[in-house]
């Protein structure tokens, strides 16, 4: 069981860093801040590694600070600290860009609703496998037709 906790300690900073990069990238994209190419470069070259270093430091510090406690308690404390740091870092990013001139009307409530629906919501259209296709005509393409 100790190895499972240790593996989760190693994976948790990477997962939270990826979530933080996706969250900030979605925030920038939703409010139309800057260009997509440079924003992606900044996210993956600056924000991602910085978040990974900070989250790995928190994970390592909680692993050694609570060494006399159980493995699962150390993991829970590390996850809570990393989640709180993720929230604070995102709040700092929102505050840093709060005066950015944008033409997108919306609030943070609208953004979080859009973000949750984008990642956890139902798809916009029905599944292709569940659609009725038996009575549809088969499309014919000129380049694939047999020539007589």
Protein backbone atom coordinates (compact mmCIF):
# COMPACT_ATOMS: atom_id res chain seq x y z
CA UNK A 1 0.00 0.00 0.00
CA UNK A 2 2.93 2.31 0.60
CA UNK A 3 3.95 2.03 -3.05
CA UNK A 4 0.48 3.05 -4.23
CA UNK A 5 0.60 6.14 -2.04
CA UNK A 6 4.10 6.94 -3.29
CA UNK A 7 2.96 6.52 -6.92
CA UNK A 8 0.04 8.89 -6.29
CA UNK A 9 2.47 11.37 -4.73
CA UNK A 10 4.48 11.25 -7.95
CA UNK A 11 1.48 11.51 -10.30
CA UNK A 12 -0.58 14.13 -8.44
CA UNK A 13 1.70 17.13 -9.18
CA UNK A 14 1.71 16.30 -12.89
CA UNK A 15 -2.07 15.91 -12.98
CA UNK A 16 -2.67 19.18 -11.15
CA UNK A 17 -0.14 21.02 -13.32
CA UNK A 18 -1.90 19.77 -16.45
CA UNK A 19 -5.27 20.82 -15.00
CA UNK A 20 -3.88 24.27 -14.16
CA UNK A 21 -2.52 24.75 -17.68
CA UNK A 22 -5.85 23.68 -19.21
CA UNK A 23 -7.76 25.96 -16.84
CA UNK A 24 -5.63 29.03 -17.61
CA UNK A 25 -5.64 28.26 -21.33
CA UNK A 26 -9.42 27.91 -21.31
CA UNK A 27 -9.71 31.17 -19.38
CA UNK A 28 -7.57 33.00 -21.91
CA UNK A 29 -9.48 31.40 -24.78
CA UNK A 30 -12.92 32.12 -23.32
CA UNK A 31 -12.22 35.81 -22.80
CA UNK A 32 -10.26 36.04 -26.09
CA UNK A 33 -6.97 37.17 -24.57
CA UNK A 34 -4.09 37.31 -26.99
CA UNK A 35 -3.12 34.95 -29.79
CA UNK A 36 -3.47 31.19 -29.46
CA UNK A 37 0.07 30.33 -30.60
CA UNK A 38 2.02 32.57 -28.20
CA UNK A 39 -0.40 31.78 -25.39
CA UNK A 40 0.18 28.06 -25.87
CA UNK A 41 3.93 28.58 -25.90
CA UNK A 42 3.76 30.58 -22.66
CA UNK A 43 1.53 27.97 -21.06
CA UNK A 44 3.75 25.02 -21.91
CA UNK A 45 7.13 26.71 -21.49
CA UNK A 46 6.48 28.88 -18.40
CA UNK A 47 3.24 28.12 -16.57
CA UNK A 48 3.37 24.32 -16.89
CA UNK A 49 6.93 23.78 -15.65
CA UNK A 50 6.53 26.40 -12.90
CA UNK A 51 3.32 24.75 -11.69
CA UNK A 52 4.93 21.31 -11.85
CA UNK A 53 7.94 22.47 -9.80
CA UNK A 54 5.75 24.15 -7.17
CA UNK A 55 3.34 21.20 -6.92
CA UNK A 56 6.18 18.67 -6.73
CA UNK A 57 7.77 20.77 -3.99
CA UNK A 58 4.51 20.80 -2.03
CA UNK A 59 4.14 17.06 -2.49
CA UNK A 60 7.71 16.37 -1.36
CA UNK A 61 7.46 18.74 1.59
CA UNK A 62 4.25 17.14 2.84
CA UNK A 63 5.76 13.66 2.36
CA UNK A 64 8.71 14.49 4.63
CA UNK A 65 6.95 16.84 7.06
CA UNK A 66 4.38 14.23 8.02
CA UNK A 67 6.64 11.19 7.94
CA UNK A 68 5.44 9.85 11.28
CA UNK A 69 1.84 9.86 10.08
CA UNK A 70 0.14 7.36 7.80
CA UNK A 71 0.74 7.31 4.07
CA UNK A 72 -2.86 8.10 3.20
CA UNK A 73 -2.98 11.07 5.56
CA UNK A 74 0.15 12.46 3.95
CA UNK A 75 -1.42 11.96 0.53
CA UNK A 76 -4.65 13.68 1.58
CA UNK A 77 -2.76 16.65 3.01
CA UNK A 78 -0.63 16.93 -0.13
CA UNK A 79 -3.69 16.81 -2.40
CA UNK A 80 -5.48 19.45 -0.35
CA UNK A 81 -2.43 21.73 -0.37
CA UNK A 82 -1.92 21.29 -4.12
CA UNK A 83 -5.62 21.94 -4.81
CA UNK A 84 -5.52 25.09 -2.68
CA UNK A 85 -2.35 26.25 -4.46
CA UNK A 86 -3.99 25.60 -7.84
CA UNK A 87 -7.00 27.68 -6.82
CA UNK A 88 -4.84 30.50 -5.51
CA UNK A 89 -2.62 30.50 -8.60
CA UNK A 90 -5.67 30.66 -10.87
CA UNK A 91 -7.16 33.47 -8.75
CA UNK A 92 -3.85 35.35 -9.06
CA UNK A 93 -3.95 34.90 -12.85
CA UNK A 94 -7.53 36.18 -13.00
CA UNK A 95 -6.56 39.18 -10.90
CA UNK A 96 -3.49 39.83 -13.07
CA UNK A 97 -5.57 39.87 -16.25
CA UNK A 98 -8.67 41.54 -14.82
CA UNK A 99 -7.99 44.83 -16.62
CA UNK A 100 -7.39 43.16 -20.01
CA UNK A 101 -9.57 44.85 -22.67
CA UNK A 102 -11.90 42.19 -24.01
CA UNK A 103 -15.03 42.32 -26.12
CA UNK A 104 -16.48 39.14 -24.62
CA UNK A 105 -19.33 39.87 -22.23
CA UNK A 106 -19.31 37.44 -19.38
CA UNK A 107 -18.49 36.83 -15.77
CA UNK A 108 -16.39 34.24 -14.02
CA UNK A 109 -19.62 32.40 -13.24
CA UNK A 110 -20.28 32.13 -16.99
CA UNK A 111 -16.72 30.94 -17.56
CA UNK A 112 -16.90 28.21 -14.91
CA UNK A 113 -20.28 27.06 -16.20
CA UNK A 114 -18.87 26.91 -19.74
CA UNK A 115 -15.71 25.14 -18.53
CA UNK A 116 -17.65 22.51 -16.58
CA UNK A 117 -20.04 21.94 -19.46
CA UNK A 118 -17.14 21.69 -21.92
CA UNK A 119 -15.31 19.03 -19.92
CA UNK A 120 -18.06 17.22 -18.04
CA UNK A 121 -21.29 18.02 -19.90
CA UNK A 122 -23.29 16.11 -22.44
CA UNK A 123 -22.23 16.30 -26.08
CA UNK A 124 -23.99 18.88 -28.22
CA UNK A 125 -25.35 16.35 -30.69
CA UNK A 126 -26.36 12.70 -30.33
CA UNK A 127 -23.86 9.94 -30.60
CA UNK A 128 -23.28 8.79 -34.16
CA UNK A 129 -23.72 5.17 -33.15
CA UNK A 130 -27.20 5.89 -31.80
CA UNK A 131 -28.41 7.85 -34.84
CA UNK A 132 -30.71 6.24 -37.33
CA UNK A 133 -28.82 5.72 -40.57
CA UNK A 134 -30.63 2.90 -42.38
CA UNK A 135 -32.96 5.16 -44.34
CA UNK A 136 -30.37 7.77 -45.31
CA UNK A 137 -29.13 7.90 -48.87
CA UNK A 138 -25.48 7.01 -49.37
CA UNK A 139 -23.50 10.04 -50.55
CA UNK A 140 -21.86 9.68 -53.94
CA UNK A 141 -18.59 11.35 -54.70
CA UNK A 142 -17.48 11.98 -58.25
CA UNK A 143 -13.91 10.86 -57.62
CA UNK A 144 -15.01 7.48 -56.26
CA UNK A 145 -17.65 6.58 -58.84
CA UNK A 146 -16.90 3.87 -61.34
CA UNK A 147 -16.43 5.14 -64.79
CA UNK A 148 -18.22 3.25 -67.54
